[in-house]
Amino acid sequence: MKRLLILAALLFLLLPSFGCGQKRDAFDGQRAFAELQRQVNFGPRYPGSPGHDRCLDYLVATLRSYTDDVRQQSFTFTYGPERVTAKATNVIARFGPGGSPRLLLCAHWDTRPWADHDPDPANRKKPILGANDGASGVAVLLELARVMHARPPREGVVVVLFDAEDEGVEGNDDSYAIGSKVYAERLAQDERPEFGILLDMVGDADLNLYQEGYSLTYAKAYVDLVWQTAQQLGYPEFIPRARYYVVDDHVRLLRVGVPCIDIIDFDYPYWHTLQDTPDKCSPESLQKVGRVLEHVIYEY
């Protein structure tokens, strides 16, 4: 009996280290949500803002704690009705073996300078916090970076955090996704991945992930892979039918011949409003998206 009590005590002490049964190197939605909150705490993160500079330093430092292979791809661009010129920076981190990476995982980390869809006209020139539109996809990728540091993938994975995605003018599609355009145009042949997955607005507490139209048209095999993986994991939030076409960062990659799909919940009532705040997001949503990608990284 004494031996059993000692064993029980040891197991009790070990439980916090393993997250109550979850492996320490498994994706953790609570950790991802903390990364979302940290980004929002920097404030609005559009190029040229103080929050943008502070967040860039944080993203680079965090990724460098998980891999030695981190680089910054900086560029200048001009945006908005007032033609503001600003410096922007893509952050690129590599995991696993060298050579051409098998998988590209990406998200944009900047936020929109204007809440142009806010229901209150007085707010429409104010910058948004971008908890879902910006921070959620990055949060998932930072948590996956931690997982890949603890458990290196068998094949190369590159994580890219795109800047200058959300400073476009409505009605001019080419004014959006500038960071991914720069990345795609500079992508060397020996760095081209087999396929890519873009995350955008994946933290909504009321998560509904329909299949995106351009992804289905130009990279259907990878859409099927992701949604079938979600089905196997029992995640009904991944809905296997198309609902919308979204001009997003993945389109820039599709144009240079890299099959890339967009995982996006575009049915988000707080899009481009001041109400895009962490309370509209949930660790559970981040957990489900992260677990699907974790399976793609290690089991596909």
C-alpha atoms as a PDB file:
ATOM      1  CA  MET A   1       0.000   0.000   0.000  1.00  0.00           C
ATOM      2  CA  LYS A   2       2.838   2.394   0.870  1.00  0.00           C
ATOM      3  CA  ARG A   3       4.462   1.738  -2.529  1.00  0.00           C
ATOM      4  CA  LEU A   4       1.167   2.457  -4.303  1.00  0.00           C
ATOM      5  CA  LEU A   5       0.782   5.727  -2.428  1.00  0.00           C
ATOM      6  CA  ILE A   6       4.306   6.796  -3.412  1.00  0.00           C
ATOM      7  CA  LEU A   7       3.597   5.982  -7.083  1.00  0.00           C
ATOM      8  CA  ALA A   8       0.336   7.922  -6.953  1.00  0.00           C
ATOM      9  CA  ALA A   9       2.132  10.927  -5.479  1.00  0.00           C
ATOM     10  CA  LEU A  10       4.782  10.819  -8.200  1.00  0.00           C
ATOM     11  CA  LEU A  11       2.144  10.673 -10.910  1.00  0.00           C
ATOM     12  CA  PHE A  12       0.333  13.635  -9.345  1.00  0.00           C
ATOM     13  CA  LEU A  13       3.546  15.674  -9.401  1.00  0.00           C
ATOM     14  CA  LEU A  14       4.174  14.811 -13.030  1.00  0.00           C
ATOM     15  CA  LEU A  15       0.708  15.753 -14.252  1.00  0.00           C
ATOM     16  CA  PRO A  16       1.273  19.537 -14.427  1.00  0.00           C
ATOM     17  CA  SER A  17       4.398  18.997 -16.543  1.00  0.00           C
ATOM     18  CA  PHE A  18       2.439  16.992 -19.058  1.00  0.00           C
ATOM     19  CA  GLY A  19      -0.610  19.244 -19.189  1.00  0.00           C
ATOM     20  CA  CYS A  20      -2.948  16.691 -17.572  1.00  0.00           C
ATOM     21  CA  GLY A  21      -2.159  13.988 -20.087  1.00  0.00           C
ATOM     22  CA  GLN A  22      -1.110  16.160 -23.047  1.00  0.00           C
ATOM     23  CA  LYS A  23       2.461  15.671 -24.241  1.00  0.00           C
ATOM     24  CA  ARG A  24       4.696  18.673 -23.686  1.00  0.00           C
ATOM     25  CA  ASP A  25       5.646  18.711 -27.377  1.00  0.00           C
ATOM     26  CA  ALA A  26       2.000  18.686 -28.582  1.00  0.00           C
ATOM     27  CA  PHE A  27       0.141  21.736 -29.830  1.00  0.00           C
ATOM     28  CA  ASP A  28      -1.456  23.645 -26.962  1.00  0.00           C
ATOM     29  CA  GLY A  29      -4.366  25.986 -27.699  1.00  0.00           C
ATOM     30  CA  GLN A  30      -3.923  27.835 -24.423  1.00  0.00           C
ATOM     31  CA  ARG A  31      -0.324  28.655 -25.301  1.00  0.00           C
ATOM     32  CA  ALA A  32      -1.428  29.793 -28.733  1.00  0.00           C
ATOM     33  CA  PHE A  33      -4.082  32.034 -27.207  1.00  0.00           C
ATOM     34  CA  ALA A  34      -1.429  33.593 -24.965  1.00  0.00           C
ATOM     35  CA  GLU A  35       0.563  34.386 -28.128  1.00  0.00           C
ATOM     36  CA  LEU A  36      -2.532  36.017 -29.614  1.00  0.00           C
ATOM     37  CA  GLN A  37      -2.936  38.164 -26.503  1.00  0.00           C
ATOM     38  CA  ARG A  38       0.740  39.166 -26.500  1.00  0.00           C
ATOM     39  CA  GLN A  39       0.458  40.508 -30.035  1.00  0.00           C
ATOM     40  CA  VAL A  40      -2.685  42.479 -29.224  1.00  0.00           C
ATOM     41  CA  ASN A  41      -0.946  43.947 -26.182  1.00  0.00           C
ATOM     42  CA  PHE A  42       1.449  45.745 -28.541  1.00  0.00           C
ATOM     43  CA  GLY A  43      -1.533  47.692 -29.871  1.00  0.00           C
ATOM     44  CA  PRO A  44      -2.270  48.259 -33.577  1.00  0.00           C
ATOM     45  CA  ARG A  45       0.524  46.774 -35.713  1.00  0.00           C
ATOM     46  CA  TYR A  46       0.351  48.497 -39.082  1.00  0.00           C
ATOM     47  CA  PRO A  47       3.691  49.489 -40.694  1.00  0.00           C
ATOM     48  CA  GLY A  48       4.983  52.728 -39.256  1.00  0.00           C
ATOM     49  CA  SER A  49       3.235  52.362 -35.884  1.00  0.00           C
ATOM     50  CA  PRO A  50       5.073  51.862 -32.557  1.00  0.00           C
ATOM     51  CA  GLY A  51       3.223  48.592 -32.006  1.00  0.00           C
ATOM     52  CA  HIS A  52       4.499  47.304 -35.342  1.00  0.00           C
ATOM     53  CA  ASP A  53       8.130  47.825 -34.310  1.00  0.00           C
ATOM     54  CA  ARG A  54       7.656  46.238 -30.893  1.00  0.00           C
ATOM     55  CA  CYS A  55       5.806  43.256 -32.319  1.00  0.00           C
ATOM     56  CA  LEU A  56       8.471  42.680 -34.987  1.00  0.00           C
ATOM     57  CA  ASP A  57      11.162  42.489 -32.308  1.00  0.00           C
ATOM     58  CA  TYR A  58       9.034  40.020 -30.363  1.00  0.00           C
ATOM     59  CA  LEU A  59       8.313  37.772 -33.349  1.00  0.00           C
ATOM     60  CA  VAL A  60      11.968  37.605 -34.373  1.00  0.00           C
ATOM     61  CA  ALA A  61      13.151  36.902 -30.825  1.00  0.00           C
ATOM     62  CA  THR A  62      10.509  34.223 -30.275  1.00  0.00           C
ATOM     63  CA  LEU A  63      11.277  32.380 -33.493  1.00  0.00           C
ATOM     64  CA  ARG A  64      15.028  32.601 -32.795  1.00  0.00           C
ATOM     65  CA  SER A  65      14.395  30.831 -29.495  1.00  0.00           C
ATOM     66  CA  TYR A  66      13.075  27.888 -31.543  1.00  0.00           C
ATOM     67  CA  THR A  67      15.437  27.836 -34.545  1.00  0.00           C
ATOM     68  CA  ASP A  68      18.768  29.390 -35.562  1.00  0.00           C
ATOM     69  CA  ASP A  69      17.514  29.856 -39.131  1.00  0.00           C
ATOM     70  CA  VAL A  70      15.508  33.107 -38.941  1.00  0.00           C
ATOM     71  CA  ARG A  71      15.821  35.987 -41.375  1.00  0.00           C
ATOM     72  CA  GLN A  72      14.055  39.249 -42.030  1.00  0.00           C
ATOM     73  CA  GLN A  73      12.985  40.335 -45.505  1.00  0.00           C
ATOM     74  CA  SER A  74      12.447  44.092 -45.420  1.00  0.00           C
ATOM     75  CA  PHE A  75      11.010  46.384 -48.082  1.00  0.00           C
ATOM     76  CA  THR A  76       9.317  49.757 -48.393  1.00  0.00           C
ATOM     77  CA  PHE A  77       5.881  50.362 -49.859  1.00  0.00           C
ATOM     78  CA  THR A  78       3.321  53.114 -50.164  1.00  0.00           C
ATOM     79  CA  TYR A  79      -0.249  52.681 -49.000  1.00  0.00           C
ATOM     80  CA  GLY A  80      -3.572  54.341 -48.311  1.00  0.00           C
ATOM     81  CA  PRO A  81      -5.377  57.405 -49.655  1.00  0.00           C
ATOM     82  CA  GLU A  82      -2.667  59.651 -48.222  1.00  0.00           C
ATOM     83  CA  ARG A  83       0.110  57.609 -49.891  1.00  0.00           C
ATOM     84  CA  VAL A  84       2.069  56.866 -46.728  1.00  0.00           C
ATOM     85  CA  THR A  85       5.496  55.298 -47.309  1.00  0.00           C
ATOM     86  CA  ALA A  86       6.589  52.787 -44.666  1.00  0.00           C
ATOM     87  CA  LYS A  87       9.052  49.998 -44.036  1.00  0.00           C
ATOM     88  CA  ALA A  88       7.635  46.480 -43.733  1.00  0.00           C
ATOM     89  CA  THR A  89       9.293  43.180 -42.883  1.00  0.00           C
ATOM     90  CA  ASN A  90       8.488  39.545 -43.596  1.00  0.00           C
ATOM     91  CA  VAL A  91       9.866  37.143 -40.977  1.00  0.00           C
ATOM     92  CA  ILE A  92      11.068  33.773 -42.311  1.00  0.00           C
ATOM     93  CA  ALA A  93      12.009  30.807 -40.097  1.00  0.00           C
ATOM     94  CA  ARG A  94      13.175  27.354 -41.183  1.00  0.00           C
ATOM     95  CA  PHE A  95      12.703  24.017 -39.378  1.00  0.00           C
ATOM     96  CA  GLY A  96      13.868  20.501 -40.182  1.00  0.00           C
ATOM     97  CA  PRO A  97      16.387  19.351 -42.816  1.00  0.00           C
ATOM     98  CA  GLY A  98      17.951  21.639 -45.430  1.00  0.00           C
ATOM     99  CA  GLY A  99      17.127  21.724 -49.115  1.00  0.00           C
ATOM    100  CA  SER A 100      13.809  22.713 -50.623  1.00  0.00           C
ATOM    101  CA  PRO A 101      11.174  22.721 -47.863  1.00  0.00           C
ATOM    102  CA  ARG A 102       8.218  20.413 -48.252  1.00  0.00           C
ATOM    103  CA  LEU A 103       5.735  22.705 -46.524  1.00  0.00           C
ATOM    104  CA  LEU A 104       5.242  26.461 -46.235  1.00  0.00           C
ATOM    105  CA  LEU A 105       3.132  27.687 -43.305  1.00  0.00           C
ATOM    106  CA  CYS A 106       2.232  31.362 -43.406  1.00  0.00           C
ATOM    107  CA  ALA A 107       0.077  34.135 -41.947  1.00  0.00           C
ATOM    108  CA  HIS A 108       0.112  37.933 -41.959  1.00  0.00           C
ATOM    109  CA  TRP A 109       1.162  39.734 -38.793  1.00  0.00           C
ATOM    110  CA  ASP A 110       0.246  43.345 -39.600  1.00  0.00           C
ATOM    111  CA  THR A 111      -3.125  44.922 -38.796  1.00  0.00           C
ATOM    112  CA  ARG A 112      -5.407  47.256 -40.703  1.00  0.00           C
ATOM    113  CA  PRO A 113      -4.779  50.986 -40.116  1.00  0.00           C
ATOM    114  CA  TRP A 114      -8.477  51.843 -40.432  1.00  0.00           C
ATOM    115  CA  ALA A 115     -11.616  50.246 -38.987  1.00  0.00           C
ATOM    116  CA  ASP A 116     -13.434  50.937 -42.249  1.00  0.00           C
ATOM    117  CA  HIS A 117     -16.179  48.362 -41.533  1.00  0.00           C
ATOM    118  CA  ASP A 118     -16.947  49.605 -38.029  1.00  0.00           C
ATOM    119  CA  PRO A 119     -20.677  50.196 -37.473  1.00  0.00           C
ATOM    120  CA  ASP A 120     -19.864  53.595 -35.961  1.00  0.00           C
ATOM    121  CA  PRO A 121     -18.686  56.040 -38.678  1.00  0.00           C
ATOM    122  CA  ALA A 122     -16.686  57.928 -36.043  1.00  0.00           C
ATOM    123  CA  ASN A 123     -14.404  54.874 -35.668  1.00  0.00           C
ATOM    124  CA  ARG A 124     -13.657  54.226 -39.314  1.00  0.00           C
ATOM    125  CA  LYS A 125     -10.337  56.052 -39.413  1.00  0.00           C
ATOM    126  CA  LYS A 126      -9.035  54.416 -36.241  1.00  0.00           C
ATOM    127  CA  PRO A 127      -6.619  51.432 -36.369  1.00  0.00           C
ATOM    128  CA  ILE A 128      -7.811  47.986 -35.316  1.00  0.00           C
ATOM    129  CA  LEU A 129      -6.257  45.619 -32.783  1.00  0.00           C
ATOM    130  CA  GLY A 130      -6.620  42.615 -35.096  1.00  0.00           C
ATOM    131  CA  ALA A 131      -6.998  39.805 -32.563  1.00  0.00           C
ATOM    132  CA  ASN A 132      -8.449  37.491 -35.193  1.00  0.00           C
ATOM    133  CA  ASP A 133      -7.407  39.315 -38.369  1.00  0.00           C
ATOM    134  CA  GLY A 134      -3.687  39.005 -37.967  1.00  0.00           C
ATOM    135  CA  ALA A 135      -2.855  37.719 -34.500  1.00  0.00           C
ATOM    136  CA  SER A 136      -4.734  34.400 -34.646  1.00  0.00           C
ATOM    137  CA  GLY A 137      -2.845  32.890 -37.575  1.00  0.00           C
ATOM    138  CA  VAL A 138       0.489  34.089 -36.210  1.00  0.00           C
ATOM    139  CA  ALA A 139      -0.363  32.642 -32.789  1.00  0.00           C
ATOM    140  CA  VAL A 140      -0.934  29.199 -34.287  1.00  0.00           C
ATOM    141  CA  LEU A 141       2.363  29.361 -36.182  1.00  0.00           C
ATOM    142  CA  LEU A 142       4.353  30.474 -33.125  1.00  0.00           C
ATOM    143  CA  GLU A 143       2.949  27.560 -31.141  1.00  0.00           C
ATOM    144  CA  LEU A 144       3.767  25.190 -34.020  1.00  0.00           C
ATOM    145  CA  ALA A 145       7.301  26.615 -34.020  1.00  0.00           C
ATOM    146  CA  ARG A 146       7.592  25.612 -30.368  1.00  0.00           C
ATOM    147  CA  VAL A 147       6.349  22.124 -31.228  1.00  0.00           C
ATOM    148  CA  MET A 148       8.809  21.769 -34.121  1.00  0.00           C
ATOM    149  CA  HIS A 149      11.668  22.894 -31.888  1.00  0.00           C
ATOM    150  CA  ALA A 150      10.807  20.157 -29.397  1.00  0.00           C
ATOM    151  CA  ARG A 151      10.066  17.577 -32.106  1.00  0.00           C
ATOM    152  CA  PRO A 152      11.878  18.403 -35.372  1.00  0.00           C
ATOM    153  CA  PRO A 153       9.938  17.479 -38.522  1.00  0.00           C
ATOM    154  CA  ARG A 154      11.350  14.808 -40.827  1.00  0.00           C
ATOM    155  CA  GLU A 155      11.109  17.143 -43.814  1.00  0.00           C
ATOM    156  CA  GLY A 156      11.732  20.843 -44.133  1.00  0.00           C
ATOM    157  CA  VAL A 157       9.087  23.331 -43.017  1.00  0.00           C
ATOM    158  CA  VAL A 158       9.350  27.076 -43.544  1.00  0.00           C
ATOM    159  CA  VAL A 159       7.241  29.488 -41.477  1.00  0.00           C
ATOM    160  CA  VAL A 160       6.666  32.915 -43.031  1.00  0.00           C
ATOM    161  CA  LEU A 161       4.962  35.818 -41.267  1.00  0.00           C
ATOM    162  CA  PHE A 162       3.914  38.265 -43.975  1.00  0.00           C
ATOM    163  CA  ASP A 163       3.824  41.997 -43.423  1.00  0.00           C
ATOM    164  CA  ALA A 164       1.842  44.633 -45.358  1.00  0.00           C
ATOM    165  CA  GLU A 165      -1.168  42.428 -46.082  1.00  0.00           C
ATOM    166  CA  ASP A 166      -3.918  44.652 -44.752  1.00  0.00           C
ATOM    167  CA  GLU A 167      -3.149  48.183 -45.939  1.00  0.00           C
ATOM    168  CA  GLY A 168      -5.026  47.887 -49.218  1.00  0.00           C
ATOM    169  CA  VAL A 169      -7.821  50.039 -50.587  1.00  0.00           C
ATOM    170  CA  GLU A 170     -11.161  48.327 -51.177  1.00  0.00           C
ATOM    171  CA  GLY A 171     -11.811  47.783 -54.866  1.00  0.00           C
ATOM    172  CA  ASN A 172      -8.083  47.508 -55.655  1.00  0.00           C
ATOM    173  CA  ASP A 173      -7.087  43.884 -55.013  1.00  0.00           C
ATOM    174  CA  ASP A 174      -3.470  44.506 -56.014  1.00  0.00           C
ATOM    175  CA  SER A 175      -3.037  46.995 -53.144  1.00  0.00           C
ATOM    176  CA  TYR A 176      -3.354  44.152 -50.615  1.00  0.00           C
ATOM    177  CA  ALA A 177      -0.920  41.336 -49.739  1.00  0.00           C
ATOM    178  CA  ILE A 178       2.260  43.265 -50.505  1.00  0.00           C
ATOM    179  CA  GLY A 179       4.481  41.213 -48.194  1.00  0.00           C
ATOM    180  CA  SER A 180       3.518  37.942 -49.838  1.00  0.00           C
ATOM    181  CA  LYS A 181       4.014  39.545 -53.248  1.00  0.00           C
ATOM    182  CA  VAL A 182       7.585  40.494 -52.310  1.00  0.00           C
ATOM    183  CA  TYR A 183       8.229  37.035 -50.876  1.00  0.00           C
ATOM    184  CA  ALA A 184       6.832  35.250 -53.947  1.00  0.00           C
ATOM    185  CA  GLU A 185       8.798  37.407 -56.389  1.00  0.00           C
ATOM    186  CA  ARG A 186      12.070  36.817 -54.514  1.00  0.00           C
ATOM    187  CA  LEU A 187      11.501  33.093 -53.907  1.00  0.00           C
ATOM    188  CA  ALA A 188      14.503  31.168 -55.221  1.00  0.00           C
ATOM    189  CA  GLN A 189      13.995  27.891 -57.046  1.00  0.00           C
ATOM    190  CA  ASP A 190      15.807  25.889 -54.359  1.00  0.00           C
ATOM    191  CA  GLU A 191      13.532  27.392 -51.684  1.00  0.00           C
ATOM    192  CA  ARG A 192      10.215  26.580 -53.344  1.00  0.00           C
ATOM    193  CA  PRO A 193       8.015  24.357 -51.165  1.00  0.00           C
ATOM    194  CA  GLU A 194       5.925  21.449 -52.390  1.00  0.00           C
ATOM    195  CA  PHE A 195       2.820  23.249 -51.078  1.00  0.00           C
ATOM    196  CA  GLY A 196       1.740  25.956 -48.695  1.00  0.00           C
ATOM    197  CA  ILE A 197      -0.988  26.617 -46.126  1.00  0.00           C
ATOM    198  CA  LEU A 198      -2.056  30.144 -45.217  1.00  0.00           C
ATOM    199  CA  LEU A 199      -3.869  30.904 -41.959  1.00  0.00           C
ATOM    200  CA  ASP A 200      -6.065  33.994 -41.741  1.00  0.00           C
ATOM    201  CA  MET A 201      -8.797  34.694 -39.165  1.00  0.00           C
ATOM    202  CA  VAL A 202      -8.729  31.246 -37.572  1.00  0.00           C
ATOM    203  CA  GLY A 203      -9.403  32.250 -33.957  1.00  0.00           C
ATOM    204  CA  ASP A 204     -13.119  33.077 -34.053  1.00  0.00           C
ATOM    205  CA  ALA A 205     -14.871  31.549 -31.036  1.00  0.00           C
ATOM    206  CA  ASP A 206     -17.707  30.663 -33.424  1.00  0.00           C
ATOM    207  CA  LEU A 207     -15.410  28.922 -35.899  1.00  0.00           C
ATOM    208  CA  ASN A 208     -16.703  27.903 -39.329  1.00  0.00           C
ATOM    209  CA  LEU A 209     -14.002  27.073 -41.863  1.00  0.00           C
ATOM    210  CA  TYR A 210     -15.456  26.671 -45.341  1.00  0.00           C
ATOM    211  CA  GLN A 211     -13.194  25.837 -48.262  1.00  0.00           C
ATOM    212  CA  GLU A 212     -11.886  28.872 -50.133  1.00  0.00           C
ATOM    213  CA  GLY A 213     -12.542  29.067 -53.883  1.00  0.00           C
ATOM    214  CA  TYR A 214      -9.091  29.858 -55.307  1.00  0.00           C
ATOM    215  CA  SER A 215      -7.613  27.140 -53.095  1.00  0.00           C
ATOM    216  CA  LEU A 216     -10.061  24.591 -54.489  1.00  0.00           C
ATOM    217  CA  THR A 217      -9.462  25.677 -58.073  1.00  0.00           C
ATOM    218  CA  TYR A 218      -5.659  25.631 -58.007  1.00  0.00           C
ATOM    219  CA  ALA A 219      -4.654  23.372 -55.090  1.00  0.00           C
ATOM    220  CA  LYS A 220      -7.573  21.012 -54.493  1.00  0.00           C
ATOM    221  CA  ALA A 221      -5.436  18.059 -53.401  1.00  0.00           C
ATOM    222  CA  TYR A 222      -4.159  20.037 -50.422  1.00  0.00           C
ATOM    223  CA  VAL A 223      -7.600  21.364 -49.526  1.00  0.00           C
ATOM    224  CA  ASP A 224      -8.764  17.747 -49.445  1.00  0.00           C
ATOM    225  CA  LEU A 225      -5.783  16.773 -47.305  1.00  0.00           C
ATOM    226  CA  VAL A 226      -6.507  19.412 -44.661  1.00  0.00           C
ATOM    227  CA  TRP A 227     -10.280  18.965 -44.508  1.00  0.00           C
ATOM    228  CA  GLN A 228     -10.020  15.150 -44.466  1.00  0.00           C
ATOM    229  CA  THR A 229      -7.496  15.398 -41.632  1.00  0.00           C
ATOM    230  CA  ALA A 230      -9.923  17.604 -39.712  1.00  0.00           C
ATOM    231  CA  GLN A 231     -12.715  15.116 -40.335  1.00  0.00           C
ATOM    232  CA  GLN A 232     -10.536  12.280 -39.001  1.00  0.00           C
ATOM    233  CA  LEU A 233      -9.845  14.334 -35.878  1.00  0.00           C
ATOM    234  CA  GLY A 234     -13.564  14.969 -35.395  1.00  0.00           C
ATOM    235  CA  TYR A 235     -13.576  18.721 -36.045  1.00  0.00           C
ATOM    236  CA  PRO A 236     -16.883  19.704 -37.697  1.00  0.00           C
ATOM    237  CA  GLU A 237     -15.714  23.333 -37.813  1.00  0.00           C
ATOM    238  CA  PHE A 238     -13.927  22.402 -41.055  1.00  0.00           C
ATOM    239  CA  ILE A 239     -16.885  22.388 -43.454  1.00  0.00           C
ATOM    240  CA  PRO A 240     -16.107  20.544 -46.725  1.00  0.00           C
ATOM    241  CA  ARG A 241     -17.752  22.852 -49.211  1.00  0.00           C
ATOM    242  CA  ALA A 242     -16.900  26.159 -50.851  1.00  0.00           C
ATOM    243  CA  ARG A 243     -18.436  29.427 -49.676  1.00  0.00           C
ATOM    244  CA  TYR A 244     -16.326  32.320 -50.956  1.00  0.00           C
ATOM    245  CA  TYR A 245     -13.328  33.403 -53.032  1.00  0.00           C
ATOM    246  CA  VAL A 246     -10.855  35.485 -51.015  1.00  0.00           C
ATOM    247  CA  VAL A 247      -7.999  37.524 -52.473  1.00  0.00           C
ATOM    248  CA  ASP A 248      -5.427  36.799 -49.780  1.00  0.00           C
ATOM    249  CA  ASP A 249      -1.701  36.100 -49.431  1.00  0.00           C
ATOM    250  CA  HIS A 250      -2.066  32.617 -50.956  1.00  0.00           C
ATOM    251  CA  VAL A 251      -3.033  34.144 -54.324  1.00  0.00           C
ATOM    252  CA  ARG A 252       0.441  35.713 -54.616  1.00  0.00           C
ATOM    253  CA  LEU A 253       1.971  32.256 -54.210  1.00  0.00           C
ATOM    254  CA  LEU A 254      -0.459  30.619 -56.600  1.00  0.00           C
ATOM    255  CA  ARG A 255       0.565  33.164 -59.246  1.00  0.00           C
ATOM    256  CA  VAL A 256       4.205  31.984 -59.124  1.00  0.00           C
ATOM    257  CA  GLY A 257       3.238  28.314 -59.276  1.00  0.00           C
ATOM    258  CA  VAL A 258       3.330  27.383 -55.573  1.00  0.00           C
ATOM    259  CA  PRO A 259       0.127  25.487 -54.657  1.00  0.00           C
ATOM    260  CA  CYS A 260      -1.069  27.243 -51.529  1.00  0.00           C
ATOM    261  CA  ILE A 261      -4.424  27.029 -49.773  1.00  0.00           C
ATOM    262  CA  ASP A 262      -6.163  29.482 -47.465  1.00  0.00           C
ATOM    263  CA  ILE A 263      -7.710  28.383 -44.168  1.00  0.00           C
ATOM    264  CA  ILE A 264      -9.969  31.314 -43.323  1.00  0.00           C
ATOM    265  CA  ASP A 265     -13.213  31.986 -41.484  1.00  0.00           C
ATOM    266  CA  PHE A 266     -14.536  34.919 -43.473  1.00  0.00           C
ATOM    267  CA  ASP A 267     -17.895  34.876 -41.667  1.00  0.00           C
ATOM    268  CA  TYR A 268     -16.549  37.118 -38.930  1.00  0.00           C
ATOM    269  CA  PRO A 269     -18.815  40.033 -37.984  1.00  0.00           C
ATOM    270  CA  TYR A 270     -15.966  42.004 -36.368  1.00  0.00           C
ATOM    271  CA  TRP A 271     -13.776  42.086 -39.500  1.00  0.00           C
ATOM    272  CA  HIS A 272     -12.097  45.476 -39.901  1.00  0.00           C
ATOM    273  CA  THR A 273     -13.835  46.915 -36.849  1.00  0.00           C
ATOM    274  CA  LEU A 274     -12.623  48.045 -33.428  1.00  0.00           C
ATOM    275  CA  GLN A 275     -14.409  45.005 -31.975  1.00  0.00           C
ATOM    276  CA  ASP A 276     -11.825  42.555 -33.363  1.00  0.00           C
ATOM    277  CA  THR A 277     -10.522  41.853 -29.864  1.00  0.00           C
ATOM    278  CA  PRO A 278      -9.374  38.719 -27.971  1.00  0.00           C
ATOM    279  CA  ASP A 279     -12.754  38.133 -26.322  1.00  0.00           C
ATOM    280  CA  LYS A 280     -14.131  37.235 -29.782  1.00  0.00           C
ATOM    281  CA  CYS A 281     -11.540  34.447 -30.101  1.00  0.00           C
ATOM    282  CA  SER A 282     -10.972  31.196 -28.235  1.00  0.00           C
ATOM    283  CA  PRO A 283      -8.150  28.777 -27.362  1.00  0.00           C
ATOM    284  CA  GLU A 284     -10.392  25.934 -28.562  1.00  0.00           C
ATOM    285  CA  SER A 285     -10.526  27.303 -32.104  1.00  0.00           C
ATOM    286  CA  LEU A 286      -6.751  27.783 -32.196  1.00  0.00           C
ATOM    287  CA  GLN A 287      -6.303  24.272 -30.796  1.00  0.00           C
ATOM    288  CA  LYS A 288      -8.336  22.663 -33.568  1.00  0.00           C
ATOM    289  CA  VAL A 289      -6.558  24.502 -36.362  1.00  0.00           C
ATOM    290  CA  GLY A 290      -3.168  23.850 -34.794  1.00  0.00           C
ATOM    291  CA  ARG A 291      -3.844  20.152 -34.279  1.00  0.00           C
ATOM    292  CA  VAL A 292      -4.847  19.734 -37.919  1.00  0.00           C
ATOM    293  CA  LEU A 293      -1.606  21.359 -39.070  1.00  0.00           C
ATOM    294  CA  GLU A 294       0.384  19.315 -36.570  1.00  0.00           C
ATOM    295  CA  HIS A 295      -0.982  16.148 -38.168  1.00  0.00           C
ATOM    296  CA  VAL A 296      -0.152  17.444 -41.646  1.00  0.00           C
ATOM    297  CA  ILE A 297       3.442  18.214 -40.576  1.00  0.00           C
ATOM    298  CA  TYR A 298       4.159  14.876 -38.933  1.00  0.00           C
ATOM    299  CA  GLU A 299       1.844  12.342 -40.545  1.00  0.00           C
ATOM    300  CA  TYR A 300       1.390  13.337 -44.177  1.00  0.00           C
END
